[in-house]
C-alpha atoms as a PDB file:
ATOM      1  CA  MET A   1      84.345 105.618  89.757  1.00  0.00           C
ATOM      2  CA  SER A   2      82.200 107.188  87.043  1.00  0.00           C
ATOM      3  CA  CYS A   3      82.676 105.855  83.531  1.00  0.00           C
ATOM      4  CA  GLU A   4      83.362 109.425  82.357  1.00  0.00           C
ATOM      5  CA  ILE A   5      86.524 109.547  84.475  1.00  0.00           C
ATOM      6  CA  ARG A   6      89.197 107.734  82.545  1.00  0.00           C
ATOM      7  CA  GLY A   7      92.296 108.590  80.590  1.00  0.00           C
ATOM      8  CA  ARG A   8      96.005 108.092  80.329  1.00  0.00           C
ATOM      9  CA  THR A   9      97.300 109.103  83.768  1.00  0.00           C
ATOM     10  CA  LEU A  10      95.901 108.996  87.306  1.00  0.00           C
ATOM     11  CA  ILE A  11      97.890 110.435  90.210  1.00  0.00           C
ATOM     12  CA  ASP A  12      97.180 109.252  93.748  1.00  0.00           C
ATOM     13  CA  VAL A  13      98.092 111.973  96.244  1.00  0.00           C
ATOM     14  CA  GLY A  14      99.246 110.634  99.607  1.00  0.00           C
ATOM     15  CA  SER A  15      99.070 106.941  98.790  1.00  0.00           C
ATOM     16  CA  GLY A  16     100.545 105.812 102.085  1.00  0.00           C
ATOM     17  CA  PRO A  17     101.728 102.192 101.966  1.00  0.00           C
ATOM     18  CA  THR A  18      98.363 101.039 100.541  1.00  0.00           C
ATOM     19  CA  ILE A  19      96.959 100.047  97.148  1.00  0.00           C
ATOM     20  CA  TYR A  20      93.282  99.382  98.006  1.00  0.00           C
ATOM     21  CA  GLN A  21      92.272 102.806  96.655  1.00  0.00           C
ATOM     22  CA  LEU A  22      93.717 101.935  93.225  1.00  0.00           C
ATOM     23  CA  LEU A  23      92.096  98.555  92.648  1.00  0.00           C
ATOM     24  CA  SER A  24      89.201  99.821  90.524  1.00  0.00           C
ATOM     25  CA  ALA A  25      91.127 102.777  89.105  1.00  0.00           C
ATOM     26  CA  CYS A  26      93.594 100.513  87.336  1.00  0.00           C
ATOM     27  CA  ASP A  27      90.817  99.518  84.922  1.00  0.00           C
ATOM     28  CA  HIS A  28      90.345 103.100  83.709  1.00  0.00           C
ATOM     29  CA  PHE A  29      93.877 104.489  83.327  1.00  0.00           C
ATOM     30  CA  GLU A  30      96.952 103.411  81.411  1.00  0.00           C
ATOM     31  CA  GLU A  31      99.365 104.731  84.048  1.00  0.00           C
ATOM     32  CA  ILE A  32      99.014 105.245  87.780  1.00  0.00           C
ATOM     33  CA  VAL A  33     101.406 107.527  89.665  1.00  0.00           C
ATOM     34  CA  ALA A  34     101.519 106.851  93.410  1.00  0.00           C
ATOM     35  CA  THR A  35     102.950 109.475  95.763  1.00  0.00           C
ATOM     36  CA  ASP A  36     103.780 109.864  99.431  1.00  0.00           C
ATOM     37  CA  TYR A  37     105.775 112.215 101.640  1.00  0.00           C
ATOM     38  CA  LEU A  38     107.388 109.369 103.605  1.00  0.00           C
ATOM     39  CA  ALA A  39     110.129 107.275 102.051  1.00  0.00           C
ATOM     40  CA  VAL A  40     109.114 104.247 104.138  1.00  0.00           C
ATOM     41  CA  ASN A  41     105.661 104.270 102.521  1.00  0.00           C
ATOM     42  CA  ARG A  42     107.097 104.649  99.032  1.00  0.00           C
ATOM     43  CA  GLU A  43     109.478 101.758  99.679  1.00  0.00           C
ATOM     44  CA  GLU A  44     106.620  99.514 100.831  1.00  0.00           C
ATOM     45  CA  LEU A  45     104.643 100.325  97.696  1.00  0.00           C
ATOM     46  CA  ALA A  46     107.682  99.564  95.547  1.00  0.00           C
ATOM     47  CA  ARG A  47     108.161  96.205  97.268  1.00  0.00           C
ATOM     48  CA  TRP A  48     104.569  95.259  96.538  1.00  0.00           C
ATOM     49  CA  ALA A  49     104.802  96.494  92.944  1.00  0.00           C
ATOM     50  CA  ARG A  50     107.876  94.311  92.397  1.00  0.00           C
ATOM     51  CA  GLY A  51     106.204  91.321  94.059  1.00  0.00           C
ATOM     52  CA  GLU A  52     108.954  90.977  96.636  1.00  0.00           C
ATOM     53  CA  PRO A  53     108.679  88.410  99.434  1.00  0.00           C
ATOM     54  CA  GLY A  54     107.660  90.037 102.699  1.00  0.00           C
ATOM     55  CA  ALA A  55     105.538  92.754 101.093  1.00  0.00           C
ATOM     56  CA  PHE A  56     102.041  93.109 102.534  1.00  0.00           C
ATOM     57  CA  ASP A  57      99.608  90.555 101.115  1.00  0.00           C
ATOM     58  CA  TRP A  58      96.790  92.499  99.478  1.00  0.00           C
ATOM     59  CA  SER A  59      95.239  89.435  97.839  1.00  0.00           C
ATOM     60  CA  PRO A  60      92.169  89.236 100.192  1.00  0.00           C
ATOM     61  CA  PHE A  61      91.362  92.872  99.399  1.00  0.00           C
ATOM     62  CA  ILE A  62      91.821  92.336  95.663  1.00  0.00           C
ATOM     63  CA  GLN A  63      89.542  89.298  95.801  1.00  0.00           C
ATOM     64  CA  HIS A  64      86.905  91.333  97.652  1.00  0.00           C
ATOM     65  CA  VAL A  65      86.993  94.149  95.082  1.00  0.00           C
ATOM     66  CA  CYS A  66      86.684  91.662  92.224  1.00  0.00           C
ATOM     67  CA  LYS A  67      83.650  90.173  93.975  1.00  0.00           C
ATOM     68  CA  ILE A  68      82.032  93.599  94.373  1.00  0.00           C
ATOM     69  CA  GLU A  69      82.687  94.495  90.732  1.00  0.00           C
ATOM     70  CA  GLY A  70      80.977  91.260  89.725  1.00  0.00           C
ATOM     71  CA  ARG A  71      82.686  90.690  86.396  1.00  0.00           C
ATOM     72  CA  GLY A  72      84.021  87.267  87.285  1.00  0.00           C
ATOM     73  CA  GLU A  73      87.587  88.433  86.779  1.00  0.00           C
ATOM     74  CA  PRO A  74      90.313  86.301  88.391  1.00  0.00           C
ATOM     75  CA  TRP A  75      91.849  88.425  91.137  1.00  0.00           C
ATOM     76  CA  GLN A  76      95.328  87.585  89.880  1.00  0.00           C
ATOM     77  CA  ASP A  77      94.536  89.427  86.628  1.00  0.00           C
ATOM     78  CA  LYS A  78      93.642  92.624  88.507  1.00  0.00           C
ATOM     79  CA  GLU A  79      96.755  92.315  90.673  1.00  0.00           C
ATOM     80  CA  ARG A  80      98.928  91.919  87.582  1.00  0.00           C
ATOM     81  CA  ARG A  81      97.250  94.853  85.811  1.00  0.00           C
ATOM     82  CA  LEU A  82      97.742  97.187  88.765  1.00  0.00           C
ATOM     83  CA  ARG A  83     101.406  96.219  89.045  1.00  0.00           C
ATOM     84  CA  GLU A  84     101.870  96.888  85.334  1.00  0.00           C
ATOM     85  CA  ARG A  85     100.195 100.287  85.508  1.00  0.00           C
ATOM     86  CA  LEU A  86     101.750 101.476  88.772  1.00  0.00           C
ATOM     87  CA  ARG A  87     104.737 102.876  86.907  1.00  0.00           C
ATOM     88  CA  ARG A  88     105.912 105.732  89.122  1.00  0.00           C
ATOM     89  CA  ILE A  89     106.127 106.110  92.914  1.00  0.00           C
ATOM     90  CA  LEU A  90     107.198 109.655  93.722  1.00  0.00           C
ATOM     91  CA  PRO A  91     107.863 111.861  96.771  1.00  0.00           C
ATOM     92  CA  ILE A  92     105.328 114.631  97.292  1.00  0.00           C
ATOM     93  CA  ASP A  93     104.796 117.648  99.536  1.00  0.00           C
ATOM     94  CA  VAL A  94     101.306 119.083  99.104  1.00  0.00           C
ATOM     95  CA  HIS A  95     102.315 122.296 100.883  1.00  0.00           C
ATOM     96  CA  ARG A  96     104.553 123.315  97.970  1.00  0.00           C
ATOM     97  CA  PRO A  97     103.076 125.006  94.879  1.00  0.00           C
ATOM     98  CA  GLU A  98     104.788 122.290  92.835  1.00  0.00           C
ATOM     99  CA  PRO A  99     104.074 119.271  95.061  1.00  0.00           C
ATOM    100  CA  LEU A 100     106.405 116.964  93.105  1.00  0.00           C
ATOM    101  CA  GLY A 101     109.158 119.583  92.811  1.00  0.00           C
ATOM    102  CA  ALA A 102     108.474 119.883  89.076  1.00  0.00           C
ATOM    103  CA  PRO A 103     105.405 119.750  86.835  1.00  0.00           C
ATOM    104  CA  LEU A 104     103.944 116.308  86.193  1.00  0.00           C
ATOM    105  CA  ARG A 105     104.529 115.282  82.589  1.00  0.00           C
ATOM    106  CA  PRO A 106     102.057 114.651  81.138  1.00  0.00           C
ATOM    107  CA  PRO A 107      99.590 116.349  83.484  1.00  0.00           C
ATOM    108  CA  ALA A 108      97.183 113.883  85.060  1.00  0.00           C
ATOM    109  CA  ASP A 109      93.746 113.274  83.641  1.00  0.00           C
ATOM    110  CA  ALA A 110      92.508 112.541  87.159  1.00  0.00           C
ATOM    111  CA  LEU A 111      93.656 112.937  90.730  1.00  0.00           C
ATOM    112  CA  LEU A 112      92.735 110.675  93.622  1.00  0.00           C
ATOM    113  CA  SER A 113      93.376 111.401  97.284  1.00  0.00           C
ATOM    114  CA  ALA A 114      92.045 109.424 100.245  1.00  0.00           C
ATOM    115  CA  PHE A 115      92.256 110.691 103.850  1.00  0.00           C
ATOM    116  CA  CYS A 116      95.359 112.753 103.130  1.00  0.00           C
ATOM    117  CA  LEU A 117      94.932 116.506 102.802  1.00  0.00           C
ATOM    118  CA  GLU A 118      92.957 117.088 106.008  1.00  0.00           C
ATOM    119  CA  ALA A 119      95.438 114.906 107.907  1.00  0.00           C
ATOM    120  CA  VAL A 120      98.494 116.899 106.820  1.00  0.00           C
ATOM    121  CA  SER A 121      97.025 120.414 107.007  1.00  0.00           C
ATOM    122  CA  PRO A 122      97.271 122.399 110.267  1.00  0.00           C
ATOM    123  CA  ASP A 123      94.164 124.481 109.516  1.00  0.00           C
ATOM    124  CA  ARG A 124      91.493 125.104 106.889  1.00  0.00           C
ATOM    125  CA  ALA A 125      93.574 127.726 105.086  1.00  0.00           C
ATOM    126  CA  ALA A 126      96.386 125.203 104.637  1.00  0.00           C
ATOM    127  CA  PHE A 127      93.830 122.652 103.419  1.00  0.00           C
ATOM    128  CA  VAL A 128      92.659 125.100 100.738  1.00  0.00           C
ATOM    129  CA  ARG A 129      96.249 125.811  99.671  1.00  0.00           C
ATOM    130  CA  ALA A 130      97.013 122.092  99.496  1.00  0.00           C
ATOM    131  CA  LEU A 131      93.982 121.574  97.255  1.00  0.00           C
ATOM    132  CA  ALA A 132      95.181 124.341  94.953  1.00  0.00           C
ATOM    133  CA  HIS A 133      98.715 122.910  94.872  1.00  0.00           C
ATOM    134  CA  VAL A 134      97.622 119.401  93.917  1.00  0.00           C
ATOM    135  CA  GLY A 135      95.377 120.961  91.285  1.00  0.00           C
ATOM    136  CA  ASN A 136      98.592 121.970  89.506  1.00  0.00           C
ATOM    137  CA  LEU A 137      99.139 118.271  88.761  1.00  0.00           C
ATOM    138  CA  LEU A 138      95.930 118.077  86.699  1.00  0.00           C
ATOM    139  CA  ARG A 139      95.360 118.977  83.080  1.00  0.00           C
ATOM    140  CA  PRO A 140      92.661 121.588  82.396  1.00  0.00           C
ATOM    141  CA  GLY A 141      89.349 119.785  82.659  1.00  0.00           C
ATOM    142  CA  GLY A 142      90.921 117.031  84.774  1.00  0.00           C
ATOM    143  CA  HIS A 143      88.958 115.369  87.549  1.00  0.00           C
ATOM    144  CA  ALA A 144      89.698 115.298  91.279  1.00  0.00           C
ATOM    145  CA  LEU A 145      88.260 112.504  93.436  1.00  0.00           C
ATOM    146  CA  LEU A 146      88.615 113.104  97.156  1.00  0.00           C
ATOM    147  CA  LEU A 147      87.729 110.843 100.059  1.00  0.00           C
ATOM    148  CA  GLY A 148      88.179 112.334 103.491  1.00  0.00           C
ATOM    149  CA  ALA A 149      87.160 112.571 107.125  1.00  0.00           C
ATOM    150  CA  LEU A 150      84.488 114.800 108.619  1.00  0.00           C
ATOM    151  CA  GLY A 151      84.677 116.137 112.157  1.00  0.00           C
ATOM    152  CA  GLU A 152      87.982 114.433 112.886  1.00  0.00           C
ATOM    153  CA  SER A 153      90.518 116.243 115.088  1.00  0.00           C
ATOM    154  CA  PHE A 154      93.058 113.431 115.678  1.00  0.00           C
ATOM    155  CA  TYR A 155      93.996 109.868 114.908  1.00  0.00           C
ATOM    156  CA  LEU A 156      96.370 107.466 116.607  1.00  0.00           C
ATOM    157  CA  ALA A 157      99.346 105.883 114.853  1.00  0.00           C
ATOM    158  CA  GLY A 158     100.814 103.577 117.439  1.00  0.00           C
ATOM    159  CA  PRO A 159     101.705 105.753 120.436  1.00  0.00           C
ATOM    160  CA  ALA A 160     101.547 108.968 118.399  1.00  0.00           C
ATOM    161  CA  ARG A 161      98.446 111.177 118.478  1.00  0.00           C
ATOM    162  CA  LEU A 162      98.357 113.060 115.176  1.00  0.00           C
ATOM    163  CA  PRO A 163      96.215 116.165 114.584  1.00  0.00           C
ATOM    164  CA  VAL A 164      93.691 116.505 111.776  1.00  0.00           C
ATOM    165  CA  VAL A 165      91.909 119.667 110.642  1.00  0.00           C
ATOM    166  CA  PRO A 166      88.216 118.992 111.451  1.00  0.00           C
ATOM    167  CA  LEU A 167      86.030 119.569 108.403  1.00  0.00           C
ATOM    168  CA  GLN A 168      82.311 119.854 107.847  1.00  0.00           C
ATOM    169  CA  GLU A 169      80.642 119.314 104.496  1.00  0.00           C
ATOM    170  CA  SER A 170      80.334 123.087 104.062  1.00  0.00           C
ATOM    171  CA  ASP A 171      84.094 123.447 104.619  1.00  0.00           C
ATOM    172  CA  VAL A 172      84.774 120.983 101.806  1.00  0.00           C
ATOM    173  CA  ARG A 173      82.492 122.879  99.430  1.00  0.00           C
ATOM    174  CA  GLU A 174      84.092 126.209 100.285  1.00  0.00           C
ATOM    175  CA  ALA A 175      87.632 124.852 100.092  1.00  0.00           C
ATOM    176  CA  LEU A 176      87.123 123.337  96.644  1.00  0.00           C
ATOM    177  CA  ALA A 177      85.663 126.602  95.354  1.00  0.00           C
ATOM    178  CA  ALA A 178      88.483 128.641  96.893  1.00  0.00           C
ATOM    179  CA  ALA A 179      91.061 126.296  95.340  1.00  0.00           C
ATOM    180  CA  GLY A 180      89.550 126.859  91.906  1.00  0.00           C
ATOM    181  CA  PHE A 181      87.667 123.585  91.438  1.00  0.00           C
ATOM    182  CA  ALA A 182      84.141 123.180  90.122  1.00  0.00           C
ATOM    183  CA  LEU A 183      82.242 120.774  92.378  1.00  0.00           C
ATOM    184  CA  ARG A 184      80.405 118.033  90.491  1.00  0.00           C
ATOM    185  CA  GLU A 185      79.238 115.840  93.370  1.00  0.00           C
ATOM    186  CA  LEU A 186      79.568 115.740  97.142  1.00  0.00           C
ATOM    187  CA  ARG A 187      78.275 112.976  99.377  1.00  0.00           C
ATOM    188  CA  SER A 188      78.729 112.508 103.093  1.00  0.00           C
ATOM    189  CA  TYR A 189      78.130 109.536 105.345  1.00  0.00           C
ATOM    190  CA  ALA A 190      77.849 109.351 109.132  1.00  0.00           C
ATOM    191  CA  MET A 191      80.209 106.935 110.852  1.00  0.00           C
ATOM    192  CA  PRO A 192      78.195 104.036 112.329  1.00  0.00           C
ATOM    193  CA  PRO A 193      78.850 103.354 116.017  1.00  0.00           C
ATOM    194  CA  ALA A 194      80.081  99.839 115.190  1.00  0.00           C
ATOM    195  CA  LEU A 195      82.968 101.350 113.196  1.00  0.00           C
ATOM    196  CA  ARG A 196      84.086 103.715 115.944  1.00  0.00           C
ATOM    197  CA  THR A 197      87.221 101.976 117.203  1.00  0.00           C
ATOM    198  CA  GLY A 198      88.768 104.661 119.390  1.00  0.00           C
ATOM    199  CA  VAL A 199      91.743 105.283 117.097  1.00  0.00           C
ATOM    200  CA  ASP A 200      90.190 108.603 116.044  1.00  0.00           C
ATOM    201  CA  ASP A 201      87.174 110.819 116.692  1.00  0.00           C
ATOM    202  CA  VAL A 202      85.831 110.903 113.136  1.00  0.00           C
ATOM    203  CA  ASP A 203      82.128 111.705 112.723  1.00  0.00           C
ATOM    204  CA  GLY A 204      81.816 110.669 109.088  1.00  0.00           C
ATOM    205  CA  VAL A 205      83.405 110.609 105.669  1.00  0.00           C
ATOM    206  CA  PHE A 206      82.898 112.591 102.483  1.00  0.00           C
ATOM    207  CA  PHE A 207      83.333 111.803  98.816  1.00  0.00           C
ATOM    208  CA  ALA A 208      83.851 114.712  96.434  1.00  0.00           C
ATOM    209  CA  HIS A 209      84.110 114.770  92.668  1.00  0.00           C
ATOM    210  CA  ALA A 210      85.426 118.081  91.415  1.00  0.00           C
ATOM    211  CA  GLN A 211      86.855 119.297  88.130  1.00  0.00           C
ATOM    212  CA  LYS A 212      89.625 121.681  87.176  1.00  0.00           C
ATOM    213  CA  PRO A 213      88.175 124.314  84.846  1.00  0.00           C
ATOM    214  CA  LEU A 214      89.187 124.388  81.197  1.00  0.00           C
ATOM    215  CA  GLU A 215      91.593 127.159  80.353  1.00  0.00           C
ATOM    216  CA  ALA A 216      90.054 130.166  78.694  1.00  0.00           C
END
């Protein structure tokens, strides 16, 4: 995450039951707001945040991130900091103009979303609308960090085969522009054959850094 992207509040759109995507972010924001459509995912996050027995053990992942960051920080310190800063876990529906049902107060300085919007959108037009809706959660000038799949049409969740809107890099560029974002950076990576597990048909992943324009 760029050193320019920091502030008071980060909102994670479509957190799922996971916290890996927040492990570096917790060093740059005072408050993290996690969100998910499914109550079962929100409940799992809340169990981890409270340190309840039986919650998923993220400690190997936290240790790995601390090793990558290379600051020599004890992983327990990062775990504690994330728990302290993960202050709200809210329901969200990205297909509503107000995804949280009401404006976020205060508006977020940054928005993070990993492998969410393309997985919950039936087509590219819905993907564009979802981008615009989540943009309502950002302050003017706020940053959006998106990680997503390229060329993916489905993924498997147990016995369920779930559809995904297949995107190309050009689709991401056009969608961000149509949703009113200014693109700052876009990178894409091909999926190595060794990582193709059969649970999806993804061709690659993209990382986008975009910004909500300042109000006139």
